[in-house]
């Protein structure tokens, strides 16, 4: 294992553990996003954000198809 560089706060994982063997290096979604954001040389971040945007657009379309006449009611709770 190489010595840490200044500013390197990454956790070192032994290869002979399950965590090190299977490459699960993130424990929370924030750490997952942070590690993918730091890997800006790879297209993984762009794929993640594009997929999130596409799923959000799909949810808007599905919602508008489910409630096509929502604007004709005073409130969302007034929809039958």
Protein backbone atom coordinates (compact mmCIF):
# COMPACT_ATOMS: atom_id res chain seq x y z
CA UNK A 1 0.00 0.00 0.00
CA UNK A 2 1.37 3.36 -1.00
CA UNK A 3 1.56 6.24 1.48
CA UNK A 4 -1.25 8.78 1.32
CA UNK A 5 -0.75 12.02 -0.55
CA UNK A 6 -1.62 15.34 1.16
CA UNK A 7 -5.37 15.89 0.94
CA UNK A 8 -6.12 12.22 0.35
CA UNK A 9 -8.82 11.28 2.84
CA UNK A 10 -9.86 8.02 1.23
CA UNK A 11 -10.32 4.97 3.38
CA UNK A 12 -7.83 2.21 2.64
CA UNK A 13 -9.41 -1.23 2.28
CA UNK A 14 -7.53 -4.51 2.60
CA UNK A 15 -7.86 -6.74 -0.46
CA UNK A 16 -8.38 -9.90 1.57
CA UNK A 17 -11.64 -8.63 3.10
CA UNK A 18 -15.05 -9.02 1.49
CA UNK A 19 -15.31 -5.26 1.13
CA UNK A 20 -11.99 -5.13 -0.70
CA UNK A 21 -12.52 -8.27 -2.75
CA UNK A 22 -15.86 -7.26 -4.26
CA UNK A 23 -15.12 -3.57 -4.66
CA UNK A 24 -17.88 -2.14 -2.48
CA UNK A 25 -16.14 1.06 -1.52
CA UNK A 26 -19.15 3.24 -0.67
CA UNK A 27 -21.40 2.95 2.35
CA UNK A 28 -23.89 5.76 1.71
CA UNK A 29 -25.44 7.31 -1.40
CA UNK A 30 -23.54 10.52 -0.65
CA UNK A 31 -20.24 8.65 -0.73
CA UNK A 32 -21.34 6.91 -3.96
CA UNK A 33 -22.14 10.24 -5.64
CA UNK A 34 -18.97 11.83 -4.28
CA UNK A 35 -16.74 9.04 -5.59
CA UNK A 36 -18.42 9.10 -8.99
CA UNK A 37 -18.17 12.89 -9.10
CA UNK A 38 -14.45 12.64 -8.33
CA UNK A 39 -14.05 10.20 -11.23
CA UNK A 40 -14.68 12.97 -13.72
CA UNK A 41 -12.34 11.39 -16.27
CA UNK A 42 -14.88 8.57 -16.69
CA UNK A 43 -18.33 8.98 -18.24
CA UNK A 44 -19.98 7.35 -15.22
CA UNK A 45 -21.05 10.68 -13.74
CA UNK A 46 -22.60 11.83 -17.00
CA UNK A 47 -24.45 8.54 -17.41
CA UNK A 48 -25.80 8.79 -13.85
CA UNK A 49 -27.01 12.38 -14.22
CA UNK A 50 -28.45 11.74 -17.69
CA UNK A 51 -30.30 8.68 -16.37
CA UNK A 52 -31.66 10.68 -13.44
CA UNK A 53 -32.85 13.41 -15.79
CA UNK A 54 -34.46 10.89 -18.15
CA UNK A 55 -36.29 9.14 -15.30
CA UNK A 56 -37.52 12.50 -13.99
CA UNK A 57 -38.86 13.43 -17.43
CA UNK A 58 -40.51 10.02 -17.70
CA UNK A 59 -42.22 10.54 -14.35
CA UNK A 60 -43.56 13.93 -15.50
CA UNK A 61 -45.00 12.37 -18.66
CA UNK A 62 -46.52 9.46 -16.73
CA UNK A 63 -48.08 11.87 -14.23
CA UNK A 64 -49.56 14.05 -16.98
CA UNK A 65 -51.00 10.98 -18.73
CA UNK A 66 -52.50 9.71 -15.45
CA UNK A 67 -54.12 13.07 -14.66
CA UNK A 68 -54.79 14.68 -18.08
CA UNK A 69 -57.41 17.19 -16.89
CA UNK A 70 -55.76 18.24 -13.64
CA UNK A 71 -55.87 21.96 -14.48
CA UNK A 72 -59.67 21.91 -14.69
CA UNK A 73 -59.90 21.20 -10.94
CA UNK A 74 -59.24 23.70 -8.17
CA UNK A 75 -56.80 21.48 -6.28
CA UNK A 76 -55.11 18.12 -6.70
CA UNK A 77 -57.20 16.69 -3.86
CA UNK A 78 -60.39 17.65 -5.73
CA UNK A 79 -59.54 15.26 -8.58
CA UNK A 80 -61.95 12.30 -8.60
